[in-house]
């Protein structure tokens, strides 16, 4: 009988350790890891239709886009009813979309062959033109089936050093998703970014070169 307390204590100790180990092993199932997505351009596809312009128009300075309220975050936004923005719990962007857009826009602009150099802000370089981007919005909407991803932003091109506004335009692209989840939204967002930035690059090229048939300010 004198050994019984020791044995019970040992058994209880083993049981506590076993429960702790079981808890550790079950954590990955209970607490899912965050999934991170990024935006990129489709290098395998042909670029947007670019006007026939003379190369080396000068130096273009590109600012960091300013996002709409609620969209300056890495969290992936979605909407189930009008005027209400929600965010996925364990899915996020690698960086806020506004920051990911800048290098992609520079890449799309470089493909036009128009600019001698394209420099992102902040910079001390005095460019010949500057691009201001704001009102950026990237959201997956579940107001219809299948869900859709909307990417929108406003672009303004300014001639330097006069600070003459050559044109302003709102770009808005909607892409349907193949699956109604965060991954389907990320895939659709990449298609939307590829399409929208190609349109921006073409518009800016025509705007600066003066070959835009319907006018730079449309």
N, C-alpha and C. Protein backbone atom coordinates (compact mmCIF):
# COMPACT_ATOMS: atom_id res chain seq x y z
N UNK A 1 0.82 -1.20 0.00
CA UNK A 1 0.00 0.00 0.00
C UNK A 1 0.85 1.25 0.00
N UNK A 2 2.10 1.14 0.55
CA UNK A 2 2.97 2.31 0.61
C UNK A 2 3.44 2.74 -0.76
N UNK A 3 3.45 1.81 -1.73
CA UNK A 3 3.91 2.13 -3.08
C UNK A 3 2.80 2.75 -3.94
N UNK A 4 1.56 2.63 -3.48
CA UNK A 4 0.44 3.07 -4.31
C UNK A 4 0.49 4.55 -4.65
N UNK A 5 0.76 5.47 -3.67
CA UNK A 5 0.84 6.88 -4.03
C UNK A 5 1.89 7.19 -5.08
N UNK A 6 3.02 6.48 -5.01
CA UNK A 6 4.08 6.73 -5.99
C UNK A 6 3.62 6.31 -7.37
N UNK A 7 2.98 5.15 -7.43
CA UNK A 7 2.52 4.65 -8.73
C UNK A 7 1.44 5.57 -9.31
N UNK A 8 0.52 6.02 -8.44
CA UNK A 8 -0.52 6.92 -8.92
C UNK A 8 0.07 8.23 -9.41
N UNK A 9 1.05 8.74 -8.68
CA UNK A 9 1.71 9.98 -9.09
C UNK A 9 2.42 9.81 -10.41
N UNK A 10 3.06 8.65 -10.58
CA UNK A 10 3.78 8.38 -11.84
C UNK A 10 2.80 8.31 -13.00
N UNK A 11 1.69 7.59 -12.76
CA UNK A 11 0.69 7.44 -13.81
C UNK A 11 0.09 8.80 -14.17
N UNK A 12 -0.19 9.62 -13.15
CA UNK A 12 -0.75 10.94 -13.41
C UNK A 12 0.23 11.80 -14.17
N UNK A 13 1.51 11.69 -13.82
CA UNK A 13 2.53 12.46 -14.52
C UNK A 13 2.63 12.06 -15.98
N UNK A 14 2.61 10.76 -16.21
CA UNK A 14 2.66 10.27 -17.60
C UNK A 14 1.45 10.74 -18.37
N UNK A 15 0.27 10.72 -17.70
CA UNK A 15 -0.95 11.15 -18.35
C UNK A 15 -0.90 12.62 -18.73
N UNK A 16 -0.35 13.47 -17.85
CA UNK A 16 -0.24 14.90 -18.15
C UNK A 16 0.68 15.14 -19.32
N UNK A 17 1.83 14.43 -19.34
CA UNK A 17 2.78 14.56 -20.44
C UNK A 17 2.13 14.13 -21.75
N UNK A 18 1.39 13.01 -21.68
CA UNK A 18 0.74 12.51 -22.89
C UNK A 18 -0.28 13.51 -23.41
N UNK A 19 -1.05 14.11 -22.48
CA UNK A 19 -2.03 15.10 -22.90
C UNK A 19 -1.36 16.32 -23.51
N UNK A 20 -0.23 16.73 -22.94
CA UNK A 20 0.50 17.89 -23.46
C UNK A 20 1.01 17.61 -24.86
N UNK A 21 1.57 16.39 -25.05
CA UNK A 21 2.07 16.03 -26.37
C UNK A 21 0.94 15.96 -27.38
N UNK A 22 -0.18 15.41 -26.95
CA UNK A 22 -1.33 15.34 -27.85
C UNK A 22 -1.80 16.72 -28.24
N UNK A 23 -1.76 17.65 -27.28
CA UNK A 23 -2.15 19.03 -27.57
C UNK A 23 -1.24 19.67 -28.57
N UNK A 24 0.08 19.43 -28.44
CA UNK A 24 1.06 20.00 -29.37
C UNK A 24 0.85 19.44 -30.76
N UNK A 25 0.60 18.12 -30.82
CA UNK A 25 0.44 17.49 -32.13
C UNK A 25 -0.83 17.95 -32.83
N UNK A 26 -1.83 18.36 -32.04
CA UNK A 26 -3.09 18.75 -32.64
C UNK A 26 -3.15 20.23 -33.03
N UNK A 27 -2.14 21.03 -32.63
CA UNK A 27 -2.14 22.45 -32.91
C UNK A 27 -2.26 22.78 -34.40
N UNK A 28 -1.48 22.09 -35.27
CA UNK A 28 -1.59 22.43 -36.70
C UNK A 28 -3.00 22.25 -37.24
N UNK A 29 -3.77 21.30 -36.64
CA UNK A 29 -5.14 21.09 -37.12
C UNK A 29 -6.08 22.16 -36.58
N UNK A 30 -5.81 22.60 -35.35
CA UNK A 30 -6.70 23.57 -34.71
C UNK A 30 -6.37 25.00 -35.11
N UNK A 31 -5.08 25.27 -35.30
CA UNK A 31 -4.65 26.62 -35.64
C UNK A 31 -3.96 26.59 -37.00
N UNK A 32 -4.71 26.84 -38.03
CA UNK A 32 -4.16 26.75 -39.38
C UNK A 32 -3.15 27.87 -39.63
N UNK A 33 -2.13 27.56 -40.39
CA UNK A 33 -1.10 28.54 -40.70
C UNK A 33 -1.62 29.56 -41.71
N UNK A 34 -1.10 30.77 -41.59
CA UNK A 34 -1.48 31.84 -42.51
C UNK A 34 -0.99 31.53 -43.92
N UNK A 35 -1.84 31.74 -44.90
CA UNK A 35 -1.48 31.54 -46.30
C UNK A 35 -1.29 32.90 -46.96
N UNK A 36 -0.18 33.05 -47.66
CA UNK A 36 0.21 34.35 -48.22
C UNK A 36 0.26 34.28 -49.73
N UNK A 37 -0.29 35.30 -50.39
CA UNK A 37 -0.35 35.37 -51.85
C UNK A 37 0.34 36.64 -52.34
N UNK A 38 0.71 36.66 -53.60
CA UNK A 38 1.35 37.84 -54.18
C UNK A 38 0.78 38.11 -55.56
N UNK A 39 1.07 39.30 -56.07
CA UNK A 39 0.65 39.70 -57.42
C UNK A 39 1.85 39.68 -58.34
N UNK A 40 1.63 39.28 -59.59
CA UNK A 40 2.69 39.29 -60.60
C UNK A 40 2.06 39.43 -61.97
N UNK A 41 2.89 39.79 -62.94
CA UNK A 41 2.44 39.88 -64.32
C UNK A 41 2.65 38.55 -65.01
N UNK A 42 1.78 38.23 -65.96
CA UNK A 42 1.89 36.99 -66.72
C UNK A 42 2.94 37.17 -67.81
N UNK A 43 4.13 36.63 -67.57
CA UNK A 43 5.22 36.78 -68.54
C UNK A 43 5.02 35.93 -69.78
N UNK A 44 4.17 34.91 -69.69
CA UNK A 44 3.97 34.02 -70.84
C UNK A 44 3.00 34.61 -71.86
N UNK A 45 2.16 35.55 -71.41
CA UNK A 45 1.16 36.12 -72.31
C UNK A 45 1.70 37.35 -73.00
N UNK A 46 1.13 37.66 -74.12
CA UNK A 46 1.52 38.86 -74.84
C UNK A 46 1.07 40.10 -74.10
N UNK A 47 1.80 41.18 -74.20
CA UNK A 47 1.45 42.41 -73.50
C UNK A 47 0.28 43.11 -74.16
N UNK A 48 -0.14 44.17 -73.52
CA UNK A 48 -1.26 44.95 -74.05
C UNK A 48 -0.84 45.64 -75.35
N UNK A 49 -1.83 46.00 -76.15
CA UNK A 49 -1.56 46.70 -77.39
C UNK A 49 -1.01 48.10 -77.09
N UNK A 50 0.22 48.33 -77.50
CA UNK A 50 0.90 49.59 -77.21
C UNK A 50 0.97 50.44 -78.47
N UNK A 51 0.62 51.73 -78.38
CA UNK A 51 0.69 52.60 -79.56
C UNK A 51 2.09 52.64 -80.15
N UNK A 52 2.17 52.89 -81.44
CA UNK A 52 3.46 52.99 -82.12
C UNK A 52 4.06 54.37 -81.80
N UNK A 53 4.97 54.39 -80.83
CA UNK A 53 5.54 55.65 -80.36
C UNK A 53 7.06 55.61 -80.46
N UNK A 54 7.64 56.79 -80.45
CA UNK A 54 9.09 56.89 -80.46
C UNK A 54 9.64 56.49 -79.10
N UNK A 55 10.72 55.70 -79.08
CA UNK A 55 11.28 55.27 -77.80
C UNK A 55 12.02 56.41 -77.10
N UNK A 56 12.33 56.16 -75.83
CA UNK A 56 13.14 57.08 -75.04
C UNK A 56 12.48 58.45 -74.91
N UNK A 57 11.28 58.46 -74.37
CA UNK A 57 10.57 59.73 -74.19
C UNK A 57 11.16 60.56 -73.06
N UNK A 58 11.93 59.96 -72.19
CA UNK A 58 12.51 60.69 -71.07
C UNK A 58 12.45 59.86 -69.81
N UNK A 59 12.50 60.52 -68.66
CA UNK A 59 12.48 59.84 -67.37
C UNK A 59 11.09 59.98 -66.76
N UNK A 60 10.53 58.85 -66.35
CA UNK A 60 9.22 58.83 -65.72
C UNK A 60 9.38 58.49 -64.25
N UNK A 61 8.82 59.32 -63.40
CA UNK A 61 8.84 59.07 -61.95
C UNK A 61 7.46 58.54 -61.54
N UNK A 62 7.45 57.42 -60.82
CA UNK A 62 6.20 56.76 -60.44
C UNK A 62 6.07 56.79 -58.92
N UNK A 63 4.95 57.31 -58.43
CA UNK A 63 4.74 57.36 -56.98
C UNK A 63 4.19 56.04 -56.46
N UNK A 64 4.24 55.84 -55.16
CA UNK A 64 3.62 54.68 -54.53
C UNK A 64 2.12 54.93 -54.48
N UNK A 65 1.31 54.04 -55.04
CA UNK A 65 -0.13 54.27 -55.06
C UNK A 65 -0.72 54.48 -53.66
N UNK A 66 -1.73 55.31 -53.60
CA UNK A 66 -2.45 55.55 -52.35
C UNK A 66 -3.75 54.74 -52.40
N UNK A 67 -3.96 53.91 -51.40
CA UNK A 67 -5.13 53.04 -51.38
C UNK A 67 -6.35 53.74 -50.80
N UNK A 68 -7.50 53.25 -51.19
CA UNK A 68 -8.74 53.71 -50.57
C UNK A 68 -8.76 53.29 -49.10
N UNK A 69 -9.48 54.01 -48.24
CA UNK A 69 -9.61 53.60 -46.84
C UNK A 69 -10.10 52.16 -46.73
N UNK A 70 -9.42 51.38 -45.89
CA UNK A 70 -9.79 49.98 -45.71
C UNK A 70 -9.01 49.02 -46.57
N UNK A 71 -8.21 49.56 -47.53
CA UNK A 71 -7.48 48.69 -48.46
C UNK A 71 -5.96 48.86 -48.36
N UNK A 72 -5.50 49.69 -47.43
CA UNK A 72 -4.06 49.88 -47.23
C UNK A 72 -3.57 48.88 -46.19
N UNK A 73 -3.69 47.59 -46.52
CA UNK A 73 -3.37 46.52 -45.58
C UNK A 73 -3.02 45.26 -46.34
N UNK A 74 -2.30 44.35 -45.67
CA UNK A 74 -1.99 43.06 -46.27
C UNK A 74 -3.19 42.12 -46.22
N UNK A 75 -4.16 42.42 -45.41
CA UNK A 75 -5.32 41.55 -45.26
C UNK A 75 -6.12 41.51 -46.57
N UNK A 76 -6.59 40.33 -46.92
CA UNK A 76 -7.36 40.15 -48.15
C UNK A 76 -8.81 40.54 -47.90
N UNK A 77 -9.27 41.54 -48.64
CA UNK A 77 -10.61 42.07 -48.42
C UNK A 77 -11.65 41.35 -49.28
N UNK A 78 -12.83 41.18 -48.71
CA UNK A 78 -13.94 40.64 -49.48
C UNK A 78 -15.24 41.31 -49.03
N UNK A 79 -16.28 41.14 -49.83
CA UNK A 79 -17.56 41.78 -49.55
C UNK A 79 -18.69 40.78 -49.79
N UNK A 80 -19.57 40.66 -48.80
CA UNK A 80 -20.74 39.80 -48.92
C UNK A 80 -22.03 40.59 -49.06
N UNK A 81 -21.98 41.85 -48.67
CA UNK A 81 -23.12 42.74 -48.86
C UNK A 81 -22.59 44.15 -49.08
N UNK A 82 -23.35 44.98 -49.79
CA UNK A 82 -22.86 46.31 -50.16
C UNK A 82 -22.43 47.14 -48.95
N UNK A 83 -21.36 47.90 -49.15
CA UNK A 83 -20.86 48.88 -48.18
C UNK A 83 -20.21 48.27 -46.94
N UNK A 84 -19.98 46.97 -46.94
CA UNK A 84 -19.35 46.32 -45.79
C UNK A 84 -18.13 45.52 -46.25
N UNK A 85 -16.97 45.90 -45.75
CA UNK A 85 -15.73 45.21 -46.10
C UNK A 85 -15.34 44.25 -44.99
N UNK A 86 -15.03 43.04 -45.35
CA UNK A 86 -14.54 42.04 -44.41
C UNK A 86 -13.18 41.55 -44.87
N UNK A 87 -12.50 40.80 -43.98
CA UNK A 87 -11.16 40.31 -44.30
C UNK A 87 -11.05 38.83 -43.97
N UNK A 88 -10.35 38.08 -44.83
CA UNK A 88 -10.09 36.68 -44.54
C UNK A 88 -9.26 36.56 -43.27
N UNK A 89 -9.50 35.50 -42.51
CA UNK A 89 -8.83 35.34 -41.21
C UNK A 89 -7.40 34.87 -41.35
N UNK A 90 -7.14 33.90 -42.22
CA UNK A 90 -5.80 33.31 -42.29
C UNK A 90 -5.18 33.44 -43.69
N UNK A 91 -5.73 34.33 -44.51
CA UNK A 91 -5.19 34.56 -45.85
C UNK A 91 -4.81 36.03 -45.97
N UNK A 92 -3.65 36.28 -46.54
CA UNK A 92 -3.18 37.65 -46.64
C UNK A 92 -2.31 37.83 -47.88
N UNK A 93 -2.08 39.10 -48.26
CA UNK A 93 -1.15 39.42 -49.33
C UNK A 93 0.27 39.52 -48.76
N UNK A 94 1.26 39.29 -49.59
CA UNK A 94 2.65 39.39 -49.14
C UNK A 94 3.01 40.81 -48.74
N UNK A 95 2.32 41.77 -49.30
CA UNK A 95 2.50 43.19 -49.01
C UNK A 95 1.17 43.87 -49.32
N UNK A 96 0.90 45.05 -48.78
CA UNK A 96 -0.32 45.74 -49.20
C UNK A 96 -0.36 45.89 -50.72
N UNK A 97 -1.49 45.64 -51.36
CA UNK A 97 -1.58 45.71 -52.82
C UNK A 97 -1.01 46.99 -53.42
N UNK A 98 -1.17 48.12 -52.73
CA UNK A 98 -0.63 49.38 -53.25
C UNK A 98 0.88 49.30 -53.44
N UNK A 99 1.56 48.61 -52.55
CA UNK A 99 3.02 48.48 -52.68
C UNK A 99 3.40 47.44 -53.73
N UNK A 100 2.60 46.41 -53.91
CA UNK A 100 2.91 45.41 -54.91
C UNK A 100 2.68 45.93 -56.32
N UNK A 101 1.78 46.89 -56.47
CA UNK A 101 1.43 47.40 -57.80
C UNK A 101 2.58 48.19 -58.42
N UNK A 102 3.34 48.93 -57.61
CA UNK A 102 4.39 49.81 -58.15
C UNK A 102 5.40 49.08 -59.02
N UNK A 103 6.08 48.03 -58.53
CA UNK A 103 7.05 47.34 -59.39
C UNK A 103 6.42 46.69 -60.61
N UNK A 104 5.16 46.25 -60.48
CA UNK A 104 4.48 45.64 -61.62
C UNK A 104 4.17 46.68 -62.69
N UNK A 105 3.77 47.88 -62.26
CA UNK A 105 3.52 48.94 -63.22
C UNK A 105 4.81 49.34 -63.93
N UNK A 106 5.89 49.43 -63.18
CA UNK A 106 7.18 49.75 -63.79
C UNK A 106 7.56 48.70 -64.83
N UNK A 107 7.32 47.44 -64.49
CA UNK A 107 7.61 46.36 -65.43
C UNK A 107 6.77 46.50 -66.70
N UNK A 108 5.48 46.80 -66.54
CA UNK A 108 4.60 46.96 -67.70
C UNK A 108 5.01 48.16 -68.54
N UNK A 109 5.42 49.24 -67.90
CA UNK A 109 5.85 50.44 -68.62
C UNK A 109 7.16 50.20 -69.36
N UNK A 110 8.06 49.44 -68.78
CA UNK A 110 9.33 49.15 -69.43
C UNK A 110 9.12 48.36 -70.71
N UNK A 111 8.07 47.55 -70.74
CA UNK A 111 7.78 46.73 -71.92
C UNK A 111 7.34 47.58 -73.12
N UNK A 112 6.94 48.82 -72.87
CA UNK A 112 6.53 49.68 -73.98
C UNK A 112 7.72 50.21 -74.76
N UNK A 113 8.90 50.27 -74.13
CA UNK A 113 10.08 50.80 -74.80
C UNK A 113 10.06 52.30 -74.98
N UNK A 114 9.12 52.98 -74.36
CA UNK A 114 8.98 54.41 -74.55
C UNK A 114 9.94 55.22 -73.70
N UNK A 115 10.16 54.78 -72.46
CA UNK A 115 10.87 55.60 -71.49
C UNK A 115 12.37 55.31 -71.44
N UNK A 116 13.14 56.37 -71.29
CA UNK A 116 14.59 56.20 -71.11
C UNK A 116 14.90 55.60 -69.75
N UNK A 117 14.11 55.95 -68.77
CA UNK A 117 14.25 55.38 -67.44
C UNK A 117 12.94 55.56 -66.69
N UNK A 118 12.63 54.61 -65.81
CA UNK A 118 11.44 54.68 -64.96
C UNK A 118 11.91 54.53 -63.52
N UNK A 119 11.62 55.55 -62.71
CA UNK A 119 12.16 55.61 -61.35
C UNK A 119 11.02 55.67 -60.35
N UNK A 120 11.02 54.76 -59.35
CA UNK A 120 9.98 54.82 -58.32
C UNK A 120 10.29 55.87 -57.26
N UNK A 121 9.27 56.42 -56.67
CA UNK A 121 9.41 57.32 -55.53
C UNK A 121 9.68 56.50 -54.26
N UNK A 122 10.39 57.08 -53.28
CA UNK A 122 10.98 58.43 -53.28
C UNK A 122 12.30 58.44 -54.04
N UNK A 123 12.60 59.57 -54.68
CA UNK A 123 13.83 59.71 -55.45
C UNK A 123 14.19 61.19 -55.57
N UNK A 124 15.47 61.45 -55.76
CA UNK A 124 15.92 62.83 -55.98
C UNK A 124 16.05 63.12 -57.48
N UNK A 125 15.75 62.11 -58.31
CA UNK A 125 15.85 62.27 -59.75
C UNK A 125 14.75 63.21 -60.25
N UNK A 126 15.13 64.13 -61.10
CA UNK A 126 14.16 65.03 -61.71
C UNK A 126 13.69 64.43 -63.02
N UNK A 127 12.48 63.98 -63.03
CA UNK A 127 11.95 63.33 -64.22
C UNK A 127 11.35 64.31 -65.20
N UNK A 128 11.01 63.78 -66.36
CA UNK A 128 10.32 64.56 -67.39
C UNK A 128 8.80 64.47 -67.23
N UNK A 129 8.36 63.35 -66.65
CA UNK A 129 6.94 63.15 -66.34
C UNK A 129 6.82 62.43 -65.01
N UNK A 130 5.68 62.63 -64.37
CA UNK A 130 5.43 61.93 -63.11
C UNK A 130 4.03 61.33 -63.15
N UNK A 131 3.92 60.14 -62.59
CA UNK A 131 2.64 59.44 -62.52
C UNK A 131 2.18 59.37 -61.06
N UNK A 132 1.00 59.91 -60.82
CA UNK A 132 0.38 59.84 -59.50
C UNK A 132 -0.74 58.81 -59.55
N UNK A 133 -0.78 57.92 -58.56
CA UNK A 133 -1.79 56.86 -58.52
C UNK A 133 -2.48 56.88 -57.17
N UNK A 134 -3.80 56.89 -57.18
CA UNK A 134 -4.53 56.85 -55.91
C UNK A 134 -5.84 56.09 -56.11
N UNK A 135 -6.65 56.07 -55.06
CA UNK A 135 -7.95 55.40 -55.07
C UNK A 135 -7.85 53.91 -55.38
N UNK A 136 -6.73 53.29 -55.01
CA UNK A 136 -6.55 51.87 -55.31
C UNK A 136 -7.46 51.02 -54.43
N UNK A 137 -8.11 50.07 -55.08
CA UNK A 137 -9.04 49.17 -54.38
C UNK A 137 -8.93 47.78 -54.98
N UNK A 138 -8.74 46.79 -54.11
CA UNK A 138 -8.68 45.40 -54.55
C UNK A 138 -9.55 44.59 -53.60
N UNK A 139 -10.64 44.01 -54.14
CA UNK A 139 -11.60 43.32 -53.28
C UNK A 139 -12.27 42.18 -54.04
N UNK A 140 -12.57 41.11 -53.31
CA UNK A 140 -13.33 39.99 -53.85
C UNK A 140 -14.77 40.14 -53.39
N UNK A 141 -15.70 40.13 -54.33
CA UNK A 141 -17.11 40.34 -53.99
C UNK A 141 -17.90 39.04 -54.16
N UNK A 142 -18.77 38.78 -53.20
CA UNK A 142 -19.63 37.60 -53.23
C UNK A 142 -21.09 38.02 -53.41
N UNK A 143 -21.28 39.11 -54.14
CA UNK A 143 -22.63 39.60 -54.41
C UNK A 143 -23.27 38.86 -55.57
N UNK A 144 -22.51 37.96 -56.21
CA UNK A 144 -22.99 37.18 -57.32
C UNK A 144 -22.23 35.85 -57.32
N UNK A 145 -22.70 34.92 -58.14
CA UNK A 145 -22.06 33.61 -58.27
C UNK A 145 -21.62 33.41 -59.71
N UNK A 146 -20.36 33.03 -59.98
CA UNK A 146 -19.29 32.93 -58.97
C UNK A 146 -18.86 34.31 -58.48
N UNK A 147 -18.02 34.34 -57.47
CA UNK A 147 -17.53 35.61 -56.95
C UNK A 147 -16.64 36.30 -57.98
N UNK A 148 -16.42 37.58 -57.78
CA UNK A 148 -15.59 38.37 -58.70
C UNK A 148 -14.55 39.16 -57.91
N UNK A 149 -13.47 39.49 -58.58
CA UNK A 149 -12.44 40.35 -57.99
C UNK A 149 -12.41 41.65 -58.77
N UNK A 150 -12.43 42.75 -58.05
CA UNK A 150 -12.39 44.07 -58.66
C UNK A 150 -11.10 44.77 -58.26
N UNK A 151 -10.38 45.26 -59.27
CA UNK A 151 -9.18 46.05 -59.05
C UNK A 151 -9.39 47.39 -59.74
N UNK A 152 -9.26 48.47 -58.98
CA UNK A 152 -9.49 49.80 -59.52
C UNK A 152 -8.44 50.77 -58.97
N UNK A 153 -8.11 51.76 -59.79
CA UNK A 153 -7.21 52.82 -59.36
C UNK A 153 -7.34 54.01 -60.31
N UNK A 154 -6.90 55.17 -59.86
CA UNK A 154 -6.92 56.37 -60.69
C UNK A 154 -5.48 56.77 -60.99
N UNK A 155 -5.24 57.13 -62.25
CA UNK A 155 -3.90 57.51 -62.70
C UNK A 155 -3.92 58.94 -63.21
N UNK A 156 -2.92 59.69 -62.83
CA UNK A 156 -2.75 61.05 -63.33
C UNK A 156 -1.31 61.23 -63.79
N UNK A 157 -1.12 61.72 -65.01
CA UNK A 157 0.22 61.93 -65.55
C UNK A 157 0.48 63.43 -65.63
N UNK A 158 1.65 63.82 -65.12
CA UNK A 158 2.02 65.23 -65.01
C UNK A 158 3.31 65.49 -65.76
N UNK A 159 3.33 66.55 -66.55
CA UNK A 159 4.53 66.95 -67.28
C UNK A 159 5.37 67.87 -66.40
N UNK A 160 6.65 67.53 -66.30
CA UNK A 160 7.59 68.31 -65.49
C UNK A 160 8.55 69.07 -66.40
N UNK A 161 9.08 70.20 -65.95
CA UNK A 161 8.92 70.80 -64.61
C UNK A 161 7.72 71.73 -64.50
N UNK A 162 6.88 71.79 -65.53
CA UNK A 162 5.76 72.72 -65.50
C UNK A 162 4.64 72.31 -64.56
N UNK A 163 4.65 71.04 -64.14
CA UNK A 163 3.56 70.47 -63.34
C UNK A 163 2.23 70.63 -64.07
N UNK A 164 2.28 70.34 -65.36
CA UNK A 164 1.10 70.40 -66.21
C UNK A 164 0.43 69.03 -66.24
N UNK A 165 -0.81 68.97 -65.83
CA UNK A 165 -1.55 67.70 -65.85
C UNK A 165 -1.97 67.39 -67.27
N UNK A 166 -1.42 66.31 -67.82
CA UNK A 166 -1.75 65.92 -69.19
C UNK A 166 -3.03 65.11 -69.25
N UNK A 167 -3.29 64.36 -68.23
CA UNK A 167 -4.50 63.55 -68.25
C UNK A 167 -4.73 62.81 -66.96
N UNK A 168 -5.99 62.46 -66.73
CA UNK A 168 -6.39 61.69 -65.55
C UNK A 168 -7.41 60.65 -65.98
N UNK A 169 -7.24 59.44 -65.46
CA UNK A 169 -8.19 58.38 -65.86
C UNK A 169 -8.36 57.37 -64.73
N UNK A 170 -9.59 56.90 -64.58
CA UNK A 170 -9.91 55.85 -63.62
C UNK A 170 -9.93 54.51 -64.36
N UNK A 171 -9.15 53.57 -63.88
CA UNK A 171 -9.11 52.22 -64.47
C UNK A 171 -9.82 51.27 -63.52
N UNK A 172 -10.63 50.40 -64.09
CA UNK A 172 -11.46 49.49 -63.28
C UNK A 172 -11.59 48.17 -64.03
N UNK A 173 -11.11 47.09 -63.42
CA UNK A 173 -11.15 45.77 -64.05
C UNK A 173 -11.82 44.78 -63.11
N UNK A 174 -12.70 43.95 -63.65
CA UNK A 174 -13.39 42.91 -62.87
C UNK A 174 -13.09 41.56 -63.50
N UNK A 175 -12.69 40.59 -62.67
CA UNK A 175 -12.41 39.24 -63.14
C UNK A 175 -13.19 38.24 -62.30
N UNK A 176 -13.81 37.26 -62.97
CA UNK A 176 -14.51 36.21 -62.26
C UNK A 176 -13.54 35.19 -61.67
N UNK A 177 -13.96 34.52 -60.61
CA UNK A 177 -13.11 33.52 -59.95
C UNK A 177 -13.52 32.12 -60.38
N UNK A 178 -12.57 31.20 -60.31
CA UNK A 178 -12.87 29.80 -60.61
C UNK A 178 -13.35 29.06 -59.37
N UNK A 179 -12.99 29.58 -58.19
CA UNK A 179 -13.45 29.00 -56.92
C UNK A 179 -13.80 30.14 -55.97
N UNK A 180 -14.83 29.93 -55.18
CA UNK A 180 -15.29 30.97 -54.26
C UNK A 180 -14.54 30.90 -52.93
N UNK A 181 -13.24 31.13 -53.01
CA UNK A 181 -12.42 31.14 -51.80
C UNK A 181 -11.26 32.10 -52.00
N UNK A 182 -10.38 32.18 -51.01
CA UNK A 182 -9.27 33.13 -51.07
C UNK A 182 -8.32 32.84 -52.22
N UNK A 183 -8.04 31.56 -52.47
CA UNK A 183 -7.12 31.22 -53.56
C UNK A 183 -7.72 31.61 -54.91
N UNK A 184 -9.00 31.32 -55.09
CA UNK A 184 -9.66 31.73 -56.33
C UNK A 184 -9.61 33.24 -56.49
N UNK A 185 -9.74 33.97 -55.39
CA UNK A 185 -9.63 35.42 -55.43
C UNK A 185 -8.24 35.89 -55.80
N UNK A 186 -7.22 35.21 -55.28
CA UNK A 186 -5.83 35.59 -55.58
C UNK A 186 -5.52 35.37 -57.05
N UNK A 187 -5.98 34.26 -57.61
CA UNK A 187 -5.74 33.97 -59.03
C UNK A 187 -6.43 35.03 -59.90
N UNK A 188 -7.68 35.34 -59.57
CA UNK A 188 -8.41 36.35 -60.33
C UNK A 188 -7.77 37.73 -60.18
N UNK A 189 -7.24 38.02 -59.00
CA UNK A 189 -6.57 39.31 -58.77
C UNK A 189 -5.33 39.45 -59.64
N UNK A 190 -4.61 38.36 -59.84
CA UNK A 190 -3.44 38.41 -60.71
C UNK A 190 -3.83 38.66 -62.16
N UNK A 191 -4.91 38.05 -62.61
CA UNK A 191 -5.39 38.31 -63.97
C UNK A 191 -5.83 39.77 -64.10
N UNK A 192 -6.51 40.26 -63.08
CA UNK A 192 -6.97 41.65 -63.11
C UNK A 192 -5.80 42.62 -63.14
N UNK A 193 -4.77 42.35 -62.34
CA UNK A 193 -3.59 43.22 -62.31
C UNK A 193 -2.88 43.22 -63.65
N UNK A 194 -2.75 42.05 -64.25
CA UNK A 194 -2.08 41.94 -65.55
C UNK A 194 -2.82 42.75 -66.61
N UNK A 195 -4.14 42.63 -66.62
CA UNK A 195 -4.95 43.35 -67.60
C UNK A 195 -4.95 44.85 -67.34
N UNK A 196 -5.17 45.24 -66.09
CA UNK A 196 -5.28 46.66 -65.77
C UNK A 196 -3.97 47.40 -66.01
N UNK A 197 -2.86 46.82 -65.56
CA UNK A 197 -1.58 47.51 -65.71
C UNK A 197 -1.15 47.59 -67.18
N UNK A 198 -1.56 46.61 -67.98
CA UNK A 198 -1.31 46.71 -69.41
C UNK A 198 -2.08 47.87 -70.03
N UNK A 199 -3.32 48.06 -69.56
CA UNK A 199 -4.11 49.19 -70.04
C UNK A 199 -3.50 50.52 -69.61
N UNK A 200 -3.02 50.57 -68.37
CA UNK A 200 -2.39 51.80 -67.87
C UNK A 200 -1.14 52.13 -68.68
N UNK A 201 -0.32 51.12 -68.95
CA UNK A 201 0.91 51.34 -69.72
C UNK A 201 0.60 51.86 -71.12
N UNK A 202 -0.40 51.27 -71.77
CA UNK A 202 -0.78 51.71 -73.10
C UNK A 202 -1.33 53.12 -73.11
N UNK A 203 -2.15 53.44 -72.12
CA UNK A 203 -2.74 54.79 -72.03
C UNK A 203 -1.67 55.84 -71.78
N UNK A 204 -0.75 55.55 -70.85
CA UNK A 204 0.32 56.51 -70.56
C UNK A 204 1.21 56.74 -71.76
N UNK A 205 1.52 55.67 -72.49
CA UNK A 205 2.37 55.81 -73.67
C UNK A 205 1.71 56.71 -74.71
N UNK A 206 0.43 56.45 -74.97
CA UNK A 206 -0.29 57.28 -75.94
C UNK A 206 -0.48 58.70 -75.45
N UNK A 207 -0.69 58.83 -74.14
CA UNK A 207 -0.92 60.15 -73.56
C UNK A 207 0.31 61.03 -73.70
N UNK A 208 1.46 60.50 -73.37
CA UNK A 208 2.70 61.28 -73.41
C UNK A 208 3.16 61.54 -74.83
N UNK A 209 2.95 60.54 -75.71
CA UNK A 209 3.42 60.68 -77.09
C UNK A 209 2.45 61.48 -77.96
N UNK A 210 1.21 61.68 -77.44
CA UNK A 210 0.23 62.43 -78.21
C UNK A 210 -0.49 61.59 -79.24
N UNK A 211 -0.35 60.26 -79.17
CA UNK A 211 -0.98 59.40 -80.18
C UNK A 211 -2.30 58.82 -79.71
N UNK A 212 -2.77 59.22 -78.54
CA UNK A 212 -4.03 58.71 -78.02
C UNK A 212 -5.18 59.29 -78.85
N UNK A 213 -5.87 58.46 -79.62
CA UNK A 213 -6.89 58.91 -80.54
C UNK A 213 -8.04 59.64 -79.84
N UNK A 214 -8.48 59.09 -78.70
CA UNK A 214 -9.65 59.67 -78.04
C UNK A 214 -9.29 60.69 -76.97
N UNK A 215 -8.03 61.08 -76.92
CA UNK A 215 -7.64 62.12 -75.96
C UNK A 215 -7.04 61.57 -74.68
N UNK A 216 -6.10 62.29 -74.13
CA UNK A 216 -5.38 61.83 -72.96
C UNK A 216 -6.22 61.87 -71.71
N UNK A 217 -7.20 62.72 -71.63
CA UNK A 217 -7.93 62.92 -70.39
C UNK A 217 -9.14 62.03 -70.23
N UNK A 218 -9.34 61.10 -71.13
CA UNK A 218 -10.56 60.27 -71.06
C UNK A 218 -10.51 59.30 -69.87
